[in-house]
């Protein structure tokens, strides 16, 4: 795709394009939908580049120095400076997005641990009851709902 200069757009055209992007993202409801959308929208290197910026922002918010971050992740000073600038003069997007990051990750890890524990307990039964529940979720709908409710 050829390079595109957004400064050559008329303000109305730019607003319409950005509105299309934000509205499209807003309509996505699940993590899976969001993941699939960005996989379709961005190349793998673009996705990794954005993720690294988020990682740099998290490290800066946690008080790490440029040198520590550069040594640990191999990012350039210009990337660090750009992210640092947006942390200082931006719209608060990084802080908002990263605010509950640790809590979400902890919840996800806890959920995995609970599933492993249930697997361990149920693997005593022949053919692993959990495997049957996963293979035939509609047959075990009521039980799955009850067990999921207990996990929360």
Foldseek 3Di string as FASTA:
>chain_A
DDDDDPVPDDPVVSVVVVVVVVVVCVPDDDPVSNVVVCVVVDPPVVVVLVVVLLVLLVCVVVPDDPVVSCVVPVDDPVSNVVSVCCCVPNDCVSCVVCVCVVVVVVVVVLVVVVVVVQQVVQVVDPPRPVVVCVVCVVVCVVVVVVVVVVSD
